[in-house]
Structure formats: C-alpha cells, structure tokens
Amino acid sequence: MYRNIQDFLTDWQHESANTVKIFSGITEETKAVKINPNIRSLERLAWHITETITEMGTKAGLFDENRLEQQPAPATMAELTAIYQDYNQRLAEAVQSRWTNDSLTKEVPMYGESWSKGTVLSVLIGHEAHHRSQMTIIMRMVGLPVPGLYGPSQEEWAAMGMPAMQ
C-alpha cells in the first residue's frame, strides 16, 4: 500500500516505461495470435492493461467517467500504445490533483470490497506487472524478442556477448 503519492508516481513512471517496452515489441503480425484458446492474445492483454487504468481510476474516483469502457482495441499496436501512454499520464495527474498523502488511507469501494486509496495504487502497479509477465511468455512462444524489465533478457545478454544466466 502506498502512503506517499510521490513514491507511487516514481514507481508508476518506471512501470509504465516497462509496459511500453513490452507493447513496443509486439508486431502487427503477432498481436492477435492465440497460442491457446484459454489464453488471451498479446493485443487483448495490452488493451486489458490499458482499459484497467480507466476502469479502476473511475471506480476509485480519479476519473469522472470511464472513457474506454466498451471500446474496441485500436487498429494498431502504435495506437494502442499511444492511448495507454495518454491514460497512464492522466492517471498520474489525477492522483496528484485529487488525492493527498493523507487521503491514501481513506477507503473507497472497489469490486465489492473496501480498499484504501493507497491499496488501489498498489494494485494498479501489480496488475500491470502480472499481465506483462503473461505477455513475455506469449512473446517467447510466438518468436518475439523479450525486453529486459528488471534485468537483462536472454537477447540482451547475447547482445552483451555473455551467456544468459541459467
């Protein structure tokens, strides 16, 4: 749970850069590939991450309306990434303008439960990390290079002339 808005904003900026790295590695040819009927495509996961910013932001009182609700995924990954970046920034601005450090302990109704505002911020970050992890597996399975997010990926180790850690 976050107790300080600036701490969240620092993490949000870092995590959103990681999300953009993942989104940027998805090609138009691979975005809709379904590796299994029970697994979402890369495009669907990317759009889900994006939609969740406005869904959770609206439920928590950061946005007045959920402008992405029921909207189809954009036609290209470039468009999807731009929308993600726009709403990511809007969320950061709303947190700064609507909430204070003291308000982060206040409860808001979320999905049939009551969460502190600081918990909402933690869940937003954890949610993106969770789905990015799914996306990296799918990227490997469809033959896309995976960017390192918290350290070098296999491809990045190879580019450094070093074997990937086992």
Protein backbone atom coordinates (compact mmCIF):
# COMPACT_ATOMS: atom_id res chain seq x y z
CA MET A 1 0.00 0.00 0.00
CA TYR A 2 1.30 3.42 -0.89
CA ARG A 3 1.44 6.07 1.82
CA ASN A 4 3.12 8.72 -0.29
CA ILE A 5 1.95 9.94 -3.69
CA GLN A 6 5.45 10.76 -4.91
CA ASP A 7 6.56 7.18 -4.21
CA PHE A 8 3.68 5.92 -6.33
CA LEU A 9 4.42 8.38 -9.14
CA THR A 10 8.08 7.31 -9.24
CA ASP A 11 7.09 3.63 -9.46
CA TRP A 12 4.26 4.37 -11.93
CA GLN A 13 6.68 6.12 -14.29
CA HIS A 14 9.16 3.23 -14.12
CA GLU A 15 6.48 0.56 -14.51
CA SER A 16 4.77 2.34 -17.39
CA ALA A 17 8.11 2.54 -19.21
CA ASN A 18 8.35 -1.24 -18.78
CA THR A 19 4.84 -1.67 -20.15
CA VAL A 20 5.69 0.47 -23.18
CA LYS A 21 8.79 -1.71 -23.77
CA ILE A 22 6.56 -4.77 -23.91
CA PHE A 23 3.90 -3.13 -26.09
CA SER A 24 6.58 -1.83 -28.47
CA GLY A 25 7.91 -5.33 -29.05
CA ILE A 26 4.59 -6.67 -30.28
CA THR A 27 4.28 -6.79 -34.05
CA GLU A 28 1.14 -6.36 -36.10
CA GLU A 29 1.67 -9.93 -37.34
CA THR A 30 1.74 -11.41 -33.83
CA LYS A 31 -0.62 -9.18 -31.86
CA ALA A 32 -3.72 -11.34 -32.43
CA VAL A 33 -2.09 -14.79 -32.28
CA LYS A 34 -3.81 -17.09 -29.80
CA ILE A 35 -1.36 -19.71 -28.54
CA ASN A 36 -4.20 -21.49 -26.73
CA PRO A 37 -7.97 -20.98 -26.73
CA ASN A 38 -7.81 -20.23 -22.99
CA ILE A 39 -5.06 -17.60 -23.23
CA ARG A 40 -5.62 -14.02 -24.34
CA SER A 41 -3.73 -12.64 -27.31
CA LEU A 42 -0.99 -10.05 -26.81
CA GLU A 43 -3.30 -7.37 -28.19
CA ARG A 44 -6.10 -8.34 -25.81
CA LEU A 45 -3.75 -8.30 -22.82
CA ALA A 46 -2.35 -4.91 -23.85
CA TRP A 47 -5.83 -3.47 -24.22
CA HIS A 48 -6.89 -5.01 -20.88
CA ILE A 49 -3.96 -3.29 -19.14
CA THR A 50 -4.96 -0.02 -20.78
CA GLU A 51 -8.67 -0.35 -20.02
CA THR A 52 -7.95 -1.14 -16.39
CA ILE A 53 -6.36 2.27 -15.86
CA THR A 54 -9.67 3.97 -16.61
CA GLU A 55 -11.83 1.27 -15.02
CA MET A 56 -10.03 1.31 -11.69
CA GLY A 57 -9.40 5.04 -11.90
CA THR A 58 -13.13 5.68 -12.33
CA LYS A 59 -14.15 3.28 -9.55
CA ALA A 60 -11.64 4.93 -7.20
CA GLY A 61 -12.81 8.47 -8.03
CA LEU A 62 -9.79 9.56 -10.04
CA PHE A 63 -11.78 9.90 -13.27
CA ASP A 64 -15.33 11.17 -13.65
CA GLU A 65 -16.13 8.63 -16.36
CA ASN A 66 -14.62 5.53 -17.89
CA ARG A 67 -14.00 6.67 -21.44
CA LEU A 68 -12.54 3.33 -22.54
CA GLU A 69 -15.39 1.16 -21.27
CA GLN A 70 -16.81 -1.00 -24.06
CA GLN A 71 -14.37 0.47 -26.59
CA PRO A 72 -12.74 -1.97 -29.03
CA ALA A 73 -8.98 -2.26 -29.14
CA PRO A 74 -7.40 0.25 -31.53
CA ALA A 75 -6.45 -0.93 -35.02
CA THR A 76 -2.68 -0.90 -34.44
CA MET A 77 -0.29 -1.51 -31.58
CA ALA A 78 1.09 2.00 -32.11
CA GLU A 79 -2.37 3.46 -31.50
CA LEU A 80 -2.93 1.21 -28.51
CA THR A 81 0.41 2.23 -27.02
CA ALA A 82 -0.38 5.92 -27.50
CA ILE A 83 -3.74 5.50 -25.73
CA TYR A 84 -2.01 3.60 -22.91
CA GLN A 85 0.54 6.39 -22.51
CA ASP A 86 -2.17 9.07 -22.56
CA TYR A 87 -4.30 7.46 -19.87
CA ASN A 88 -1.26 6.50 -17.84
CA GLN A 89 -0.34 10.19 -17.71
CA ARG A 90 -3.93 11.21 -16.98
CA LEU A 91 -3.99 8.82 -14.03
CA ALA A 92 -0.75 10.26 -12.65
CA GLU A 93 -2.14 13.78 -12.97
CA ALA A 94 -5.42 12.78 -11.30
CA VAL A 95 -3.61 11.18 -8.37
CA GLN A 96 -1.65 14.41 -7.89
CA SER A 97 -4.64 16.71 -8.21
CA ARG A 98 -7.38 14.71 -6.47
CA TRP A 99 -5.59 12.84 -3.71
CA THR A 100 -3.15 13.78 -0.95
CA ASN A 101 -0.74 11.71 1.10
CA ASP A 102 -3.23 11.87 3.97
CA SER A 103 -6.08 10.63 1.78
CA LEU A 104 -4.24 7.43 0.81
CA THR A 105 -5.55 5.69 3.94
CA LYS A 106 -9.17 6.58 3.11
CA GLU A 107 -11.33 3.71 1.87
CA VAL A 108 -13.11 3.52 -1.50
CA PRO A 109 -15.49 0.82 -2.74
CA MET A 110 -13.69 -1.47 -5.20
CA TYR A 111 -15.13 -4.64 -6.71
CA GLY A 112 -17.44 -5.40 -3.79
CA GLU A 113 -14.76 -4.65 -1.21
CA SER A 114 -13.37 -1.60 0.52
CA TRP A 115 -9.77 -0.70 -0.38
CA SER A 116 -7.61 2.13 0.83
CA LYS A 117 -6.62 4.55 -1.92
CA GLY A 118 -3.00 3.51 -1.32
CA THR A 119 -4.01 -0.09 -1.98
CA VAL A 120 -5.71 0.92 -5.23
CA LEU A 121 -2.39 2.38 -6.39
CA SER A 122 -0.51 -0.78 -5.39
CA VAL A 123 -2.99 -2.99 -7.21
CA LEU A 124 -2.71 -0.87 -10.37
CA ILE A 125 1.03 -1.47 -10.47
CA GLY A 126 0.77 -5.15 -9.55
CA HIS A 127 -1.92 -5.67 -12.18
CA GLU A 128 0.31 -4.34 -14.95
CA ALA A 129 3.27 -6.43 -13.79
CA HIS A 130 1.08 -9.55 -13.65
CA HIS A 131 -0.14 -9.15 -17.23
CA ARG A 132 3.26 -8.09 -18.56
CA SER A 133 4.58 -11.39 -17.23
CA GLN A 134 1.93 -13.26 -19.17
CA MET A 135 2.83 -11.24 -22.26
CA THR A 136 6.53 -12.11 -22.09
CA ILE A 137 5.69 -15.82 -22.14
CA ILE A 138 3.44 -15.37 -25.17
CA MET A 139 6.10 -13.21 -26.85
CA ARG A 140 8.63 -16.04 -26.44
CA MET A 141 6.17 -18.58 -27.80
CA VAL A 142 5.45 -16.53 -30.95
CA GLY A 143 9.14 -15.83 -31.55
CA LEU A 144 9.37 -12.20 -30.44
CA PRO A 145 12.38 -10.88 -28.53
CA VAL A 146 11.62 -10.04 -24.91
CA PRO A 147 12.94 -6.81 -23.43
CA GLY A 148 14.60 -6.89 -20.04
CA LEU A 149 12.47 -5.14 -17.47
CA TYR A 150 14.26 -5.75 -14.19
CA GLY A 151 17.50 -7.01 -15.65
CA PRO A 152 18.79 -8.25 -18.99
CA SER A 153 16.69 -10.63 -21.03
CA GLN A 154 18.18 -13.58 -22.89
CA GLU A 155 18.50 -11.44 -26.02
CA GLU A 156 20.16 -8.62 -24.09
CA TRP A 157 22.69 -10.99 -22.51
CA ALA A 158 23.52 -12.25 -26.01
CA ALA A 159 23.93 -8.67 -27.28
CA MET A 160 26.45 -8.10 -24.47
CA GLY A 161 28.34 -11.19 -25.63
CA MET A 162 27.52 -13.07 -22.47
CA PRO A 163 25.59 -16.28 -21.88
CA ALA A 164 22.16 -15.84 -20.34
CA MET A 165 22.06 -16.74 -16.69
CA GLN A 166 20.72 -20.25 -16.07
